[in-house]
């Protein structure tokens, strides 16, 4: 597959371009792609873009899975804090769930209920 359009103006060495292409091809060969729902095309495209970005940043040694996981854990802690703060400020669980885009059961769990 040709990723030239996706890469845009990224400056890659020949080795980096080959590594990116091999990893991107391997990503698109993963079995979950065959189970995708056409109605979720926009979300799937966003996920694909994020995966290609992760591959590129890895190839360029700009980021790592470990660093990203650390940021995700921090974001999860912040989200939990915001859920709890919203509840403390009197927001209904239904509104918190809608705003946080999580199931109401998850909100209740985060609140210790």
N, C-alpha and C. Protein backbone atom coordinates (compact mmCIF):
# COMPACT_ATOMS: atom_id res chain seq x y z
N UNK A 1 0.86 -1.18 0.00
CA UNK A 1 0.00 0.00 0.00
C UNK A 1 0.90 1.24 0.00
N UNK A 2 0.42 2.29 -0.63
CA UNK A 2 1.19 3.53 -0.71
C UNK A 2 0.67 4.52 0.33
N UNK A 3 1.56 4.97 1.19
CA UNK A 3 1.19 5.88 2.28
C UNK A 3 1.68 7.30 2.03
N UNK A 4 2.09 7.61 0.82
CA UNK A 4 2.66 8.92 0.50
C UNK A 4 1.71 10.05 0.88
N UNK A 5 0.45 9.94 0.51
CA UNK A 5 -0.51 11.00 0.83
C UNK A 5 -0.66 11.16 2.34
N UNK A 6 -0.74 10.04 3.05
CA UNK A 6 -0.90 10.12 4.50
C UNK A 6 0.32 10.75 5.14
N UNK A 7 1.50 10.39 4.68
CA UNK A 7 2.74 10.91 5.26
C UNK A 7 2.94 12.40 4.97
N UNK A 8 2.35 12.88 3.90
CA UNK A 8 2.47 14.30 3.57
C UNK A 8 3.91 14.73 3.44
N UNK A 9 4.30 15.71 4.23
CA UNK A 9 5.65 16.28 4.13
C UNK A 9 6.63 15.67 5.13
N UNK A 10 6.28 14.55 5.72
CA UNK A 10 7.20 13.90 6.68
C UNK A 10 8.51 13.57 5.99
N UNK A 11 9.59 13.88 6.66
CA UNK A 11 10.93 13.63 6.13
C UNK A 11 11.45 12.31 6.71
N UNK A 12 11.46 11.27 5.89
CA UNK A 12 11.91 9.96 6.32
C UNK A 12 13.11 9.50 5.51
N UNK A 13 14.02 8.82 6.17
CA UNK A 13 15.10 8.17 5.43
C UNK A 13 14.49 6.96 4.71
N UNK A 14 15.23 6.38 3.82
CA UNK A 14 14.75 5.18 3.12
C UNK A 14 14.41 4.08 4.12
N UNK A 15 15.29 3.89 5.10
CA UNK A 15 15.06 2.86 6.12
C UNK A 15 13.81 3.15 6.94
N UNK A 16 13.61 4.41 7.30
CA UNK A 16 12.43 4.79 8.07
C UNK A 16 11.16 4.59 7.25
N UNK A 17 11.21 4.96 5.97
CA UNK A 17 10.05 4.78 5.10
C UNK A 17 9.70 3.30 4.96
N UNK A 18 10.72 2.47 4.82
CA UNK A 18 10.48 1.03 4.71
C UNK A 18 9.91 0.47 6.01
N UNK A 19 10.44 0.92 7.14
CA UNK A 19 9.94 0.46 8.44
C UNK A 19 8.50 0.90 8.65
N UNK A 20 8.20 2.15 8.27
CA UNK A 20 6.83 2.65 8.40
C UNK A 20 5.89 1.82 7.53
N UNK A 21 6.24 1.61 6.28
CA UNK A 21 5.39 0.87 5.36
C UNK A 21 5.15 -0.55 5.86
N UNK A 22 6.20 -1.21 6.31
CA UNK A 22 6.05 -2.59 6.81
C UNK A 22 5.12 -2.63 8.03
N UNK A 23 5.29 -1.70 8.95
CA UNK A 23 4.45 -1.68 10.15
C UNK A 23 3.01 -1.29 9.81
N UNK A 24 2.83 -0.33 8.92
CA UNK A 24 1.48 0.08 8.52
C UNK A 24 0.76 -1.07 7.81
N UNK A 25 1.47 -1.75 6.92
CA UNK A 25 0.88 -2.91 6.25
C UNK A 25 0.49 -3.99 7.27
N UNK A 26 1.36 -4.21 8.26
CA UNK A 26 1.07 -5.20 9.31
C UNK A 26 -0.15 -4.78 10.12
N UNK A 27 -0.28 -3.48 10.38
CA UNK A 27 -1.44 -2.97 11.11
C UNK A 27 -2.72 -3.28 10.33
N UNK A 28 -2.73 -2.97 9.04
CA UNK A 28 -3.93 -3.21 8.24
C UNK A 28 -4.21 -4.69 8.02
N UNK A 29 -3.22 -5.55 8.27
CA UNK A 29 -3.41 -6.99 8.15
C UNK A 29 -3.95 -7.62 9.43
N UNK A 30 -4.03 -6.85 10.51
CA UNK A 30 -4.55 -7.39 11.77
C UNK A 30 -6.01 -7.83 11.59
N UNK A 31 -6.39 -8.94 12.20
CA UNK A 31 -7.72 -9.52 11.97
C UNK A 31 -8.91 -8.62 12.31
N UNK A 32 -8.76 -7.70 13.25
CA UNK A 32 -9.93 -6.91 13.65
C UNK A 32 -10.49 -6.07 12.51
N UNK A 33 -9.69 -5.80 11.49
CA UNK A 33 -10.18 -4.98 10.38
C UNK A 33 -11.35 -5.64 9.64
N UNK A 34 -11.38 -6.97 9.60
CA UNK A 34 -12.46 -7.65 8.88
C UNK A 34 -13.79 -7.59 9.64
N UNK A 35 -13.74 -7.28 10.93
CA UNK A 35 -14.96 -7.24 11.74
C UNK A 35 -15.54 -5.84 11.88
N UNK A 36 -15.00 -4.89 11.18
CA UNK A 36 -15.46 -3.51 11.34
C UNK A 36 -16.85 -3.30 10.75
N UNK A 37 -17.60 -2.45 11.41
CA UNK A 37 -18.95 -2.10 10.98
C UNK A 37 -18.87 -0.86 10.10
N UNK A 38 -19.41 -0.93 8.88
CA UNK A 38 -19.36 0.24 7.98
C UNK A 38 -19.98 1.50 8.58
N UNK A 39 -20.91 1.34 9.52
CA UNK A 39 -21.53 2.51 10.15
C UNK A 39 -20.56 3.23 11.08
N UNK A 40 -19.46 2.59 11.43
CA UNK A 40 -18.46 3.20 12.31
C UNK A 40 -17.25 3.70 11.53
N UNK A 41 -17.43 3.98 10.26
CA UNK A 41 -16.30 4.34 9.39
C UNK A 41 -15.53 5.55 9.90
N UNK A 42 -16.21 6.56 10.40
CA UNK A 42 -15.51 7.76 10.87
C UNK A 42 -14.64 7.43 12.08
N UNK A 43 -15.17 6.67 13.02
CA UNK A 43 -14.39 6.28 14.20
C UNK A 43 -13.24 5.37 13.80
N UNK A 44 -13.50 4.47 12.85
CA UNK A 44 -12.44 3.58 12.38
C UNK A 44 -11.32 4.37 11.72
N UNK A 45 -11.68 5.38 10.93
CA UNK A 45 -10.67 6.20 10.27
C UNK A 45 -9.84 6.95 11.30
N UNK A 46 -10.48 7.46 12.33
CA UNK A 46 -9.75 8.16 13.39
C UNK A 46 -8.79 7.20 14.10
N UNK A 47 -9.24 5.98 14.34
CA UNK A 47 -8.37 4.97 14.97
C UNK A 47 -7.19 4.63 14.06
N UNK A 48 -7.48 4.46 12.76
CA UNK A 48 -6.40 4.17 11.81
C UNK A 48 -5.38 5.30 11.78
N UNK A 49 -5.86 6.54 11.75
CA UNK A 49 -4.94 7.68 11.76
C UNK A 49 -4.09 7.70 13.02
N UNK A 50 -4.71 7.39 14.16
CA UNK A 50 -3.96 7.36 15.42
C UNK A 50 -2.91 6.25 15.39
N UNK A 51 -3.27 5.10 14.83
CA UNK A 51 -2.31 4.00 14.74
C UNK A 51 -1.15 4.35 13.80
N UNK A 52 -1.46 4.95 12.66
CA UNK A 52 -0.40 5.35 11.74
C UNK A 52 0.49 6.41 12.37
N UNK A 53 -0.10 7.32 13.12
CA UNK A 53 0.69 8.33 13.83
C UNK A 53 1.60 7.66 14.85
N UNK A 54 1.08 6.68 15.57
CA UNK A 54 1.90 5.95 16.54
C UNK A 54 3.06 5.23 15.86
N UNK A 55 2.78 4.63 14.72
CA UNK A 55 3.83 3.95 13.96
C UNK A 55 4.89 4.95 13.53
N UNK A 56 4.45 6.08 12.99
CA UNK A 56 5.39 7.10 12.53
C UNK A 56 6.23 7.64 13.69
N UNK A 57 5.59 7.95 14.80
CA UNK A 57 6.34 8.48 15.94
C UNK A 57 7.32 7.46 16.50
N UNK A 58 6.96 6.19 16.42
CA UNK A 58 7.88 5.14 16.86
C UNK A 58 9.07 5.04 15.92
N UNK A 59 8.79 5.03 14.63
CA UNK A 59 9.86 4.94 13.63
C UNK A 59 10.81 6.13 13.74
N UNK A 60 10.26 7.31 14.00
CA UNK A 60 11.08 8.52 14.13
C UNK A 60 11.67 8.68 15.54
N UNK A 61 11.34 7.74 16.42
CA UNK A 61 11.79 7.77 17.81
C UNK A 61 11.36 9.05 18.53
N UNK A 62 10.14 9.49 18.22
CA UNK A 62 9.57 10.69 18.85
C UNK A 62 8.69 10.36 20.05
N UNK A 63 8.19 9.13 20.12
CA UNK A 63 7.30 8.74 21.20
C UNK A 63 7.35 7.23 21.35
N UNK A 64 6.80 6.76 22.48
CA UNK A 64 6.79 5.32 22.74
C UNK A 64 5.44 4.91 23.32
N UNK A 65 5.17 3.63 23.26
CA UNK A 65 3.96 3.10 23.88
C UNK A 65 3.98 3.36 25.38
N UNK A 66 5.13 3.19 26.01
CA UNK A 66 5.25 3.41 27.45
C UNK A 66 4.88 4.85 27.82
N UNK A 67 5.41 5.80 27.08
CA UNK A 67 5.12 7.21 27.36
C UNK A 67 3.65 7.53 27.12
N UNK A 68 3.09 6.97 26.05
CA UNK A 68 1.68 7.20 25.75
C UNK A 68 0.79 6.59 26.82
N UNK A 69 1.13 5.40 27.28
CA UNK A 69 0.36 4.75 28.34
C UNK A 69 0.40 5.58 29.62
N UNK A 70 1.54 6.17 29.90
CA UNK A 70 1.66 7.02 31.08
C UNK A 70 0.75 8.24 30.96
N UNK A 71 0.73 8.85 29.78
CA UNK A 71 -0.16 10.01 29.57
C UNK A 71 -1.63 9.59 29.66
N UNK A 72 -1.94 8.41 29.14
CA UNK A 72 -3.32 7.92 29.20
C UNK A 72 -3.75 7.66 30.64
N UNK A 73 -2.86 7.10 31.44
CA UNK A 73 -3.18 6.88 32.86
C UNK A 73 -3.42 8.21 33.56
N UNK A 74 -2.61 9.20 33.26
CA UNK A 74 -2.79 10.52 33.86
C UNK A 74 -4.12 11.13 33.43
N UNK A 75 -4.45 10.98 32.16
CA UNK A 75 -5.73 11.50 31.66
C UNK A 75 -6.90 10.78 32.34
N UNK A 76 -6.76 9.48 32.57
CA UNK A 76 -7.81 8.72 33.24
C UNK A 76 -7.99 9.21 34.68
N UNK A 77 -6.88 9.48 35.36
CA UNK A 77 -6.96 10.03 36.72
C UNK A 77 -7.67 11.39 36.72
N UNK A 78 -7.34 12.22 35.75
CA UNK A 78 -7.97 13.53 35.65
C UNK A 78 -9.46 13.41 35.36
N UNK A 79 -9.83 12.48 34.48
CA UNK A 79 -11.24 12.28 34.17
C UNK A 79 -12.00 11.82 35.41
N UNK A 80 -11.43 10.90 36.14
CA UNK A 80 -12.07 10.45 37.38
C UNK A 80 -12.24 11.61 38.35
N UNK A 81 -11.22 12.44 38.47
CA UNK A 81 -11.31 13.60 39.35
C UNK A 81 -12.42 14.54 38.90
N UNK A 82 -12.55 14.77 37.60
CA UNK A 82 -13.60 15.65 37.09
C UNK A 82 -14.98 15.05 37.33
N UNK A 83 -15.12 13.74 37.15
CA UNK A 83 -16.40 13.08 37.41
C UNK A 83 -16.79 13.29 38.87
N UNK A 84 -15.85 13.08 39.76
CA UNK A 84 -16.11 13.24 41.19
C UNK A 84 -16.39 14.70 41.55
N UNK A 85 -15.66 15.61 40.94
CA UNK A 85 -15.89 17.03 41.20
C UNK A 85 -17.27 17.45 40.72
N UNK A 86 -17.66 16.97 39.54
CA UNK A 86 -18.99 17.31 39.02
C UNK A 86 -20.08 16.80 39.96
N UNK A 87 -19.90 15.59 40.48
CA UNK A 87 -20.87 15.05 41.43
C UNK A 87 -20.90 15.89 42.70
N UNK A 88 -19.73 16.29 43.17
CA UNK A 88 -19.66 17.11 44.38
C UNK A 88 -20.33 18.47 44.17
N UNK A 89 -20.32 18.94 42.93
CA UNK A 89 -20.96 20.22 42.61
C UNK A 89 -22.45 20.07 42.33
N UNK A 90 -22.97 18.84 42.45
CA UNK A 90 -24.40 18.62 42.31
C UNK A 90 -24.88 18.18 40.95
N UNK A 91 -23.99 17.88 40.02
CA UNK A 91 -24.43 17.44 38.70
C UNK A 91 -25.05 16.05 38.79
N UNK A 92 -26.17 15.84 38.11
CA UNK A 92 -26.79 14.51 38.10
C UNK A 92 -25.89 13.50 37.38
N UNK A 93 -25.93 12.25 37.83
CA UNK A 93 -25.11 11.20 37.22
C UNK A 93 -25.35 11.11 35.71
N UNK A 94 -26.61 11.25 35.31
CA UNK A 94 -26.96 11.18 33.89
C UNK A 94 -26.19 12.22 33.09
N UNK A 95 -26.13 13.45 33.61
CA UNK A 95 -25.42 14.53 32.92
C UNK A 95 -23.91 14.27 32.91
N UNK A 96 -23.40 13.78 34.03
CA UNK A 96 -21.97 13.47 34.10
C UNK A 96 -21.63 12.41 33.06
N UNK A 97 -22.46 11.37 32.99
CA UNK A 97 -22.22 10.29 32.02
C UNK A 97 -22.25 10.83 30.60
N UNK A 98 -23.22 11.67 30.30
CA UNK A 98 -23.31 12.25 28.95
C UNK A 98 -22.09 13.10 28.63
N UNK A 99 -21.71 13.97 29.55
CA UNK A 99 -20.58 14.87 29.30
C UNK A 99 -19.25 14.13 29.23
N UNK A 100 -19.10 13.09 30.04
CA UNK A 100 -17.84 12.32 30.06
C UNK A 100 -17.84 11.22 29.00
N UNK A 101 -19.00 11.03 28.36
CA UNK A 101 -19.16 9.99 27.35
C UNK A 101 -18.79 8.62 27.91
N UNK A 102 -19.39 8.33 29.04
CA UNK A 102 -19.19 7.02 29.65
C UNK A 102 -20.54 6.51 30.14
N UNK A 103 -20.61 5.22 30.36
CA UNK A 103 -21.84 4.61 30.85
C UNK A 103 -22.13 5.12 32.26
N UNK A 104 -23.41 5.22 32.55
CA UNK A 104 -23.80 5.70 33.88
C UNK A 104 -23.27 4.75 34.96
N UNK A 105 -23.22 3.46 34.67
CA UNK A 105 -22.67 2.49 35.64
C UNK A 105 -21.20 2.79 35.93
N UNK A 106 -20.48 3.25 34.92
CA UNK A 106 -19.07 3.61 35.12
C UNK A 106 -18.96 4.84 36.01
N UNK A 107 -19.84 5.80 35.78
CA UNK A 107 -19.86 7.00 36.63
C UNK A 107 -20.12 6.58 38.07
N UNK A 108 -21.12 5.74 38.26
CA UNK A 108 -21.47 5.30 39.62
C UNK A 108 -20.28 4.58 40.27
N UNK A 109 -19.60 3.77 39.50
CA UNK A 109 -18.43 3.05 40.04
C UNK A 109 -17.34 4.04 40.45
N UNK A 110 -17.10 5.04 39.61
CA UNK A 110 -16.08 6.04 39.93
C UNK A 110 -16.45 6.85 41.17
N UNK A 111 -17.74 6.94 41.44
CA UNK A 111 -18.21 7.67 42.61
C UNK A 111 -18.30 6.77 43.85
N UNK A 112 -17.98 5.50 43.66
CA UNK A 112 -18.01 4.57 44.79
C UNK A 112 -19.40 4.10 45.16
N UNK A 113 -20.31 4.17 44.21
CA UNK A 113 -21.71 3.77 44.48
C UNK A 113 -21.99 2.39 43.92
